[in-house]
Amino acid sequence: MATQLLKSNQPIIFLPDELITDVLSRLRVKYLMQMKCVCKSWNTLISHHIFIKMHLNRSSLNPQFSLIYSHNDDEYSFVPFPVSLLWENRSSDTPHDPYYQMHDKNCDEIVGSCNGLVCLTGYSLNKITSYKERWLRFWNPATRAISDKVGTFSYKFRDCKFTFGYDNSTETYKVVMFGSNLDSWETNIVKVYHLGDNVWRTINGFPAIPLQLEFDHEYDGVHLSCTINWMTFHSVYHGGDIIEEFVIISFDLSSETFTRLIPPENYENDGNIIISPNICVLMDSLCFSYDKETEFLIWQMTKFGAEKSWSQFLKFSYHNVGVDYELGHPYIKLTPLYLSKDGDTLLLANDPQDSAILYNWRNNIAKKTRINNKICWVSIRDYVESLVPTC
């Protein structure tokens, strides 16, 4: 039904439904939440799954970041902010809205965000049995809606790691959990949770290669093209020596099966020491990065899943980005986070210094970000405002 506007001494103006839908789908979520109160038809429209998808598609054209901001050792916040804030490199602080603080959400970890929906996890410890009770909560910071505790289960693993993703084929949000038992570092417990089912299902067939479960962010899985991907390694004997062999494990969220992806064949042919190998997603491509002596390299898989499509995307020295490198220092740890739309500027986290670098590799100009907060830069993830419900 078309909406009519009546002004004093003027004829009634009718707005067609198509125009109303188009205009509303371009608004920010906070305004849409107010617009739901205008009339029943607008409330129905804005709550409809087709409109939610339309708004998400348009909102995705204006991407944001999410990151973890530390107030002190015990309190931290989930902070969304526009990508443009970094590219313009203005001197500013991140928002200090108390709503984004985590202490009142009964969760201790941000698993990840997908389509504007954020997955959180928390736990309690049974001191008698030493079992942990772990749960999930789903939160939409834009609509300020958060689910109750769901997916609760008890476990006695050495450690566990969660990753959040979206299965396009079934339009289902899934959480994948990897756990290692107390007797071995080998990862041998894999479970998947479907949002809405409230059931954890055990997945078999995971390759017998350990994930790096002990790190908070460096080795989190990355979500790309309906898959979640992890950097793994295992020790192998070669010529009488023990060497670390790196492998990428890819989990298809649709078929719920695993695939091994081999890093670029010639990335270590010159015999130099490889430090801090990692994977990330830049411009919708899976990338493999690592330190080699005084240089940093990034390889790009131009066709996802095709190992022969690896190509060297970028190679630069630490001097280029203003980082002092001490030969033999094992933890310089640069982490690629984001690539600008034009592909010229790369955002890098310098983990030991808790700072971030904007590096225009075409002009060979590097600048440190001017955002002035206690930011965990390696926690940066893509984020987009949406109306996606939490259940």
Protein backbone atom coordinates (compact mmCIF):
# COMPACT_ATOMS: atom_id res chain seq x y z
CA MET A 1 0.00 0.00 0.00
CA ALA A 2 1.43 3.36 -0.99
CA THR A 3 2.17 5.86 1.75
CA GLN A 4 0.48 9.26 1.61
CA LEU A 5 1.90 12.57 2.76
CA LEU A 6 -0.48 15.38 3.62
CA LYS A 7 0.68 18.96 3.94
CA SER A 8 -1.34 22.04 4.79
CA ASN A 9 -3.06 23.58 1.71
CA GLN A 10 -1.34 21.05 -0.54
CA PRO A 11 -2.65 17.96 -2.33
CA ILE A 12 -2.06 14.49 -0.91
CA ILE A 13 1.19 12.96 -2.15
CA PHE A 14 1.34 9.20 -2.62
CA LEU A 15 4.72 7.47 -2.49
CA PRO A 16 4.88 4.12 -4.28
CA ASP A 17 5.99 1.10 -2.28
CA GLU A 18 9.05 0.59 -4.49
CA LEU A 19 10.35 4.08 -3.75
CA ILE A 20 9.78 3.73 0.00
CA THR A 21 11.60 0.39 0.06
CA ASP A 22 14.50 1.78 -1.96
CA VAL A 23 14.92 4.82 0.29
CA LEU A 24 14.63 2.90 3.55
CA SER A 25 17.11 0.24 2.45
CA ARG A 26 19.79 2.95 2.18
CA LEU A 27 19.45 4.15 5.78
CA ARG A 28 21.63 3.23 8.74
CA VAL A 29 20.26 0.68 11.14
CA LYS A 30 19.75 3.12 14.02
CA TYR A 31 17.37 5.17 11.84
CA LEU A 32 15.53 2.11 10.60
CA MET A 33 14.89 1.04 14.19
CA GLN A 34 13.16 4.39 14.68
CA MET A 35 11.29 4.10 11.38
CA LYS A 36 9.69 0.84 12.54
CA CYS A 37 7.58 2.97 14.88
CA VAL A 38 6.12 5.13 12.08
CA CYS A 39 3.38 2.67 11.12
CA LYS A 40 2.57 -1.05 11.06
CA SER A 41 3.33 -1.41 7.37
CA TRP A 42 6.83 0.06 7.80
CA ASN A 43 7.48 -2.17 10.80
CA THR A 44 6.44 -5.21 8.73
CA LEU A 45 8.57 -4.11 5.79
CA ILE A 46 11.74 -3.45 7.81
CA SER A 47 11.37 -6.76 9.67
CA HIS A 48 10.91 -8.82 6.48
CA HIS A 49 13.75 -11.15 5.50
CA ILE A 50 13.80 -9.86 1.90
CA PHE A 51 14.26 -6.27 3.09
CA ILE A 52 16.92 -7.39 5.60
CA LYS A 53 18.88 -9.00 2.76
CA MET A 54 18.47 -5.93 0.52
CA HIS A 55 19.71 -3.65 3.28
CA LEU A 56 22.68 -5.94 4.00
CA ASN A 57 23.73 -5.92 0.34
CA ARG A 58 23.72 -2.12 0.29
CA SER A 59 25.30 -1.75 3.70
CA SER A 60 28.14 -4.01 2.55
CA LEU A 61 29.17 -1.29 0.09
CA ASN A 62 30.18 0.83 3.10
CA PRO A 63 32.34 -1.61 5.08
CA GLN A 64 33.47 -1.12 8.62
CA PHE A 65 36.05 -2.66 10.88
CA SER A 66 35.52 -4.23 14.24
CA LEU A 67 38.29 -4.45 16.80
CA ILE A 68 38.92 -5.07 20.47
CA TYR A 69 39.70 -2.08 22.62
CA SER A 70 41.29 -2.69 26.02
CA HIS A 71 40.21 -0.49 28.94
CA ASN A 72 42.52 -2.38 31.27
CA ASP A 73 43.61 -5.97 31.77
CA ASP A 74 40.12 -7.09 32.76
CA GLU A 75 37.77 -5.00 30.61
CA TYR A 76 37.53 -4.62 26.87
CA SER A 77 35.06 -3.54 24.21
CA PHE A 78 33.96 -4.57 20.75
CA VAL A 79 34.25 -1.40 18.67
CA PRO A 80 32.88 -0.94 15.12
CA PHE A 81 34.21 1.98 13.09
CA PRO A 82 34.33 2.99 9.40
CA VAL A 83 37.16 1.86 7.16
CA SER A 84 37.47 5.46 5.96
CA LEU A 85 38.64 6.49 9.43
CA LEU A 86 41.86 4.57 8.85
CA TRP A 87 42.38 5.48 5.21
CA GLU A 88 42.02 9.18 6.01
CA ASN A 89 44.36 8.61 8.99
CA ARG A 90 42.75 11.28 11.10
CA SER A 91 43.91 11.72 14.68
CA SER A 92 40.98 10.39 16.69
CA ASP A 93 39.80 8.10 19.43
CA THR A 94 37.57 5.09 18.96
CA PRO A 95 34.00 5.36 20.37
CA HIS A 96 33.62 4.97 24.12
CA ASP A 97 29.98 3.83 24.19
CA PRO A 98 29.59 1.69 27.35
CA TYR A 99 27.15 -0.53 25.46
CA TYR A 100 30.01 -2.13 23.54
CA GLN A 101 31.82 -3.25 26.69
CA MET A 102 31.92 -7.01 27.11
CA HIS A 103 31.77 -7.38 30.90
CA ASP A 104 27.97 -7.18 31.02
CA LYS A 105 27.38 -9.78 28.29
CA ASN A 106 28.65 -12.73 30.35
CA CYS A 107 31.16 -13.67 27.66
CA ASP A 108 34.93 -13.56 27.60
CA GLU A 109 35.73 -13.94 23.90
CA ILE A 110 34.58 -12.55 20.54
CA VAL A 111 34.54 -15.46 18.10
CA GLY A 112 33.93 -13.30 15.03
CA SER A 113 31.36 -11.38 13.02
CA CYS A 114 29.51 -12.23 9.83
CA ASN A 115 26.88 -10.11 8.04
CA GLY A 116 26.64 -7.83 11.06
CA LEU A 117 26.02 -10.68 13.48
CA VAL A 118 28.65 -11.15 16.18
CA CYS A 119 29.30 -14.50 17.87
CA LEU A 120 30.44 -14.39 21.50
CA THR A 121 31.47 -17.20 23.83
CA GLY A 122 31.87 -17.51 27.58
CA TYR A 123 32.49 -20.22 30.13
CA SER A 124 32.35 -21.19 33.77
CA LEU A 125 34.63 -23.67 35.53
CA ASN A 126 33.49 -26.51 37.74
CA LYS A 127 36.31 -26.62 40.30
CA ILE A 128 35.36 -30.09 41.47
CA THR A 129 35.34 -31.89 38.10
CA SER A 130 37.68 -29.45 36.27
CA TYR A 131 35.14 -29.40 33.45
CA LYS A 132 34.37 -26.14 31.70
CA GLU A 133 30.82 -25.25 30.73
CA ARG A 134 30.99 -23.26 27.51
CA TRP A 135 28.18 -21.32 25.80
CA LEU A 136 27.54 -19.05 22.82
CA ARG A 137 25.63 -15.80 22.44
CA PHE A 138 24.73 -14.05 19.18
CA TRP A 139 24.70 -10.27 19.17
CA ASN A 140 23.77 -7.61 16.66
CA PRO A 141 25.47 -4.41 17.90
CA ALA A 142 23.57 -2.25 15.39
CA THR A 143 20.07 -3.34 16.50
CA ARG A 144 21.28 -3.86 20.08
CA ALA A 145 19.72 -7.30 20.20
CA ILE A 146 21.47 -10.21 21.88
CA SER A 147 20.43 -13.83 22.27
CA ASP A 148 20.25 -15.85 25.43
CA LYS A 149 23.00 -18.39 26.13
CA VAL A 150 22.80 -21.16 23.53
CA GLY A 151 24.87 -24.17 22.54
CA THR A 152 25.92 -24.86 26.11
CA PHE A 153 28.16 -27.91 26.56
CA SER A 154 30.69 -29.24 29.07
CA TYR A 155 34.19 -30.31 28.11
CA LYS A 156 37.59 -31.17 29.52
CA PHE A 157 39.84 -30.33 26.57
CA ARG A 158 43.38 -29.01 26.75
CA ASP A 159 42.15 -26.03 24.77
CA CYS A 160 39.60 -25.11 22.13
CA LYS A 161 39.08 -22.55 19.42
CA PHE A 162 35.89 -21.29 17.76
CA THR A 163 35.31 -19.78 14.32
CA PHE A 164 32.13 -18.20 12.96
CA GLY A 165 30.96 -18.36 9.34
CA TYR A 166 28.00 -18.34 6.95
CA ASP A 167 26.82 -21.12 4.64
CA ASN A 168 25.42 -19.37 1.55
CA SER A 169 23.81 -22.51 0.16
CA THR A 170 21.48 -22.95 3.14
CA GLU A 171 21.63 -19.36 4.46
CA THR A 172 22.77 -20.77 7.79
CA TYR A 173 25.18 -19.32 10.34
CA LYS A 174 27.56 -21.91 11.75
CA VAL A 175 30.15 -22.04 14.53
CA VAL A 176 33.01 -24.52 14.19
CA MET A 177 34.80 -25.67 17.36
CA PHE A 178 38.20 -27.37 17.44
CA GLY A 179 39.45 -28.93 20.65
CA SER A 180 42.56 -30.84 21.67
CA ASN A 181 42.39 -33.45 24.38
CA LEU A 182 44.49 -33.56 27.52
CA ASP A 183 46.70 -36.42 26.34
CA SER A 184 47.92 -34.97 23.05
CA TRP A 185 48.33 -31.64 21.25
CA GLU A 186 46.84 -33.29 18.18
CA THR A 187 43.50 -31.69 17.35
CA ASN A 188 40.99 -34.49 17.43
CA ILE A 189 37.65 -32.95 18.37
CA VAL A 190 35.68 -31.02 15.75
CA LYS A 191 32.09 -29.89 16.29
CA VAL A 192 29.70 -27.67 14.35
CA TYR A 193 26.82 -25.63 15.73
CA HIS A 194 23.99 -24.37 13.49
CA LEU A 195 22.33 -21.17 14.67
CA GLY A 196 18.73 -22.12 15.37
CA ASP A 197 19.33 -25.83 16.02
CA ASN A 198 20.96 -25.47 19.46
CA VAL A 199 22.84 -28.74 18.87
CA TRP A 200 26.57 -29.46 18.48
CA ARG A 201 27.34 -32.15 15.89
CA THR A 202 30.66 -33.99 15.78
CA ILE A 203 32.49 -33.84 12.44
CA ASN A 204 34.87 -36.64 11.48
CA GLY A 205 37.68 -36.67 8.95
CA PHE A 206 39.82 -33.80 10.19
CA PRO A 207 43.45 -34.28 9.02
CA ALA A 208 45.77 -35.27 11.86
CA ILE A 209 47.57 -31.93 11.97
CA PRO A 210 47.45 -29.68 15.04
CA LEU A 211 45.97 -26.21 14.94
CA GLN A 212 47.61 -23.37 16.86
CA LEU A 213 45.02 -23.28 19.62
CA GLU A 214 47.10 -21.49 22.23
CA PHE A 215 47.15 -18.07 20.50
CA ASP A 216 44.26 -15.64 20.83
CA HIS A 217 44.14 -14.07 17.39
CA GLU A 218 47.15 -14.79 15.21
CA TYR A 219 45.91 -18.20 14.09
CA ASP A 220 42.16 -17.68 14.04
CA GLY A 221 40.43 -19.22 11.06
CA VAL A 222 39.58 -16.93 8.15
CA HIS A 223 36.18 -17.01 6.44
CA LEU A 224 36.10 -16.96 2.63
CA SER A 225 33.70 -18.23 -0.04
CA CYS A 226 31.64 -20.41 2.30
CA THR A 227 34.79 -21.93 3.82
CA ILE A 228 36.85 -21.48 6.98
CA ASN A 229 40.61 -21.82 6.62
CA TRP A 230 43.37 -22.37 9.17
CA MET A 231 47.15 -22.27 9.03
CA THR A 232 48.55 -25.49 10.47
CA PHE A 233 51.93 -27.15 10.70
CA HIS A 234 53.49 -30.44 11.70
CA SER A 235 57.01 -31.67 12.20
CA VAL A 236 58.47 -34.00 9.59
CA TYR A 237 61.88 -35.64 9.11
CA HIS A 238 63.76 -34.47 6.06
CA GLY A 239 67.38 -35.42 5.35
CA GLY A 240 67.96 -36.34 8.97
CA ASP A 241 66.58 -33.02 10.22
CA ILE A 242 63.21 -32.12 11.73
CA ILE A 243 61.48 -29.36 9.78
CA GLU A 244 58.14 -27.61 10.12
CA GLU A 245 55.83 -28.35 7.20
CA PHE A 246 53.04 -25.82 6.72
CA VAL A 247 49.60 -26.79 5.46
CA ILE A 248 46.34 -24.86 5.10
CA ILE A 249 43.23 -26.74 6.21
CA SER A 250 40.01 -25.60 4.54
CA PHE A 251 36.57 -26.53 5.91
CA ASP A 252 33.61 -26.29 3.52
CA LEU A 253 30.63 -25.01 5.51
CA SER A 254 28.17 -26.44 3.01
CA SER A 255 29.44 -30.02 2.67
CA GLU A 256 31.16 -29.92 6.10
CA THR A 257 34.25 -31.62 4.70
CA PHE A 258 37.96 -30.80 4.92
CA THR A 259 40.52 -30.11 2.21
CA ARG A 260 44.29 -29.61 2.44
CA LEU A 261 45.75 -26.65 0.57
CA ILE A 262 49.52 -26.54 0.08
CA PRO A 263 51.24 -23.11 0.37
CA PRO A 264 53.18 -21.79 -2.66
CA GLU A 265 55.67 -24.43 -3.83
CA ASN A 266 58.69 -22.14 -4.04
CA TYR A 267 58.11 -19.88 -1.05
CA GLU A 268 61.07 -21.39 0.83
CA ASN A 269 63.31 -22.61 -1.98
CA ASP A 270 66.15 -20.22 -1.19
CA GLY A 271 66.69 -21.87 2.20
CA ASN A 272 66.19 -18.75 4.33
CA ILE A 273 64.41 -19.02 7.66
CA ILE A 274 60.62 -18.71 7.47
CA ILE A 275 59.08 -16.94 10.47
CA SER A 276 55.44 -16.39 11.48
CA PRO A 277 53.60 -17.89 8.48
CA ASN A 278 49.96 -16.94 8.46
CA ILE A 279 46.92 -16.65 6.21
CA CYS A 280 44.46 -13.81 5.70
CA VAL A 281 41.89 -12.57 3.21
CA LEU A 282 42.70 -9.52 1.09
CA MET A 283 40.35 -8.32 -1.66
CA ASP A 284 38.33 -11.57 -1.46
CA SER A 285 41.43 -13.72 -2.05
CA LEU A 286 43.18 -16.13 0.30
CA CYS A 287 46.70 -14.89 1.06
CA PHE A 288 49.73 -16.54 2.65
CA SER A 289 52.22 -14.26 4.41
CA TYR A 290 55.49 -14.75 6.30
CA ASP A 291 58.73 -13.11 7.43
CA LYS A 292 61.96 -14.05 5.71
CA GLU A 293 65.08 -12.54 7.27
CA THR A 294 64.58 -8.76 6.83
CA GLU A 295 61.71 -9.00 4.35
CA PHE A 296 57.99 -9.62 4.45
CA LEU A 297 56.19 -11.50 1.66
CA ILE A 298 52.55 -12.01 0.71
CA TRP A 299 51.35 -14.64 -1.76
CA GLN A 300 47.84 -14.57 -3.23
CA MET A 301 45.72 -17.52 -4.33
CA THR A 302 44.07 -15.95 -7.37
CA LYS A 303 41.61 -18.84 -7.76
CA PHE A 304 40.45 -20.22 -4.45
CA GLY A 305 41.22 -23.92 -4.02
CA ALA A 306 43.62 -24.04 -6.98
CA GLU A 307 47.12 -24.50 -5.56
CA LYS A 308 48.74 -23.68 -8.92
CA SER A 309 47.16 -20.21 -8.82
CA TRP A 310 49.48 -18.95 -6.05
CA SER A 311 51.32 -15.80 -7.17
CA GLN A 312 53.59 -13.46 -5.24
CA PHE A 313 51.54 -10.36 -4.53
CA LEU A 314 53.91 -8.23 -2.48
CA LYS A 315 57.45 -8.22 -1.12
CA PHE A 316 58.97 -5.43 0.94
CA SER A 317 61.66 -4.87 3.53
CA TYR A 318 61.05 -3.85 7.13
CA HIS A 319 62.92 -0.65 6.34
CA ASN A 320 60.16 0.22 3.83
CA VAL A 321 57.51 0.23 6.54
CA GLY A 322 59.62 1.88 9.23
CA VAL A 323 60.16 -1.21 11.38
CA ASP A 324 63.55 -1.78 13.00
CA TYR A 325 64.45 -5.40 12.47
CA GLU A 326 67.03 -7.11 14.65
CA LEU A 327 68.54 -10.10 12.91
CA GLY A 328 67.49 -13.22 14.73
CA HIS A 329 64.54 -11.60 16.50
CA PRO A 330 61.77 -14.21 16.19
CA TYR A 331 58.70 -12.09 16.87
CA ILE A 332 58.52 -9.05 14.64
CA LYS A 333 55.11 -10.33 13.56
CA LEU A 334 53.54 -8.17 10.90
CA THR A 335 49.97 -9.19 10.15
CA PRO A 336 48.17 -8.07 6.95
CA LEU A 337 44.69 -6.91 7.88
CA TYR A 338 43.09 -5.09 4.98
CA LEU A 339 43.74 -3.87 1.44
CA SER A 340 42.18 -0.69 0.08
CA LYS A 341 39.67 -0.89 -2.79
CA ASP A 342 42.25 0.40 -5.27
CA GLY A 343 44.72 -2.22 -4.03
CA ASP A 344 47.39 0.39 -3.29
CA THR A 345 47.34 0.67 0.51
CA LEU A 346 47.85 -2.21 2.89
CA LEU A 347 46.94 -2.10 6.58
CA LEU A 348 49.44 -4.04 8.70
CA ALA A 349 49.37 -4.78 12.41
CA ASN A 350 52.74 -4.59 14.16
CA ASP A 351 51.90 -6.94 16.99
CA PRO A 352 54.82 -6.45 19.42
CA GLN A 353 54.42 -2.66 19.31
CA ASP A 354 50.59 -2.72 19.45
CA SER A 355 50.46 -0.41 16.46
CA ALA A 356 49.20 -0.41 12.89
CA ILE A 357 50.89 0.71 9.68
CA LEU A 358 49.34 2.10 6.51
CA TYR A 359 51.65 1.14 3.67
CA ASN A 360 51.14 2.47 0.14
CA TRP A 361 53.28 -0.06 -1.67
CA ARG A 362 53.03 1.66 -5.06
CA ASN A 363 54.46 4.91 -3.69
CA ASN A 364 56.52 3.12 -1.01
CA ILE A 365 55.13 5.38 1.73
CA ALA A 366 54.38 4.05 5.22
CA LYS A 367 52.56 5.85 8.03
CA LYS A 368 51.57 4.77 11.50
CA THR A 369 47.89 5.08 12.27
CA ARG A 370 46.88 8.08 14.36
CA ILE A 371 44.07 6.39 16.28
CA ASN A 372 44.94 6.84 19.94
CA ASN A 373 43.63 3.93 21.98
CA LYS A 374 44.66 0.63 23.52
CA ILE A 375 43.69 -1.35 20.46
CA CYS A 376 44.36 -5.01 19.85
CA TRP A 377 45.18 -4.49 16.17
CA VAL A 378 45.45 -8.16 15.29
CA SER A 379 41.80 -8.50 16.36
CA ILE A 380 40.58 -6.36 13.44
CA ARG A 381 37.90 -8.05 11.38
CA ASP A 382 35.51 -7.00 8.63
CA TYR A 383 32.19 -5.72 9.95
CA VAL A 384 29.01 -4.37 8.41
CA GLU A 385 25.86 -2.93 9.97
CA SER A 386 22.79 -5.07 9.37
CA LEU A 387 19.30 -5.98 10.57
CA VAL A 388 20.13 -9.71 10.75
CA PRO A 389 18.26 -11.22 13.74
CA THR A 390 20.06 -13.03 16.55
CA CYS A 391 17.89 -16.15 16.39
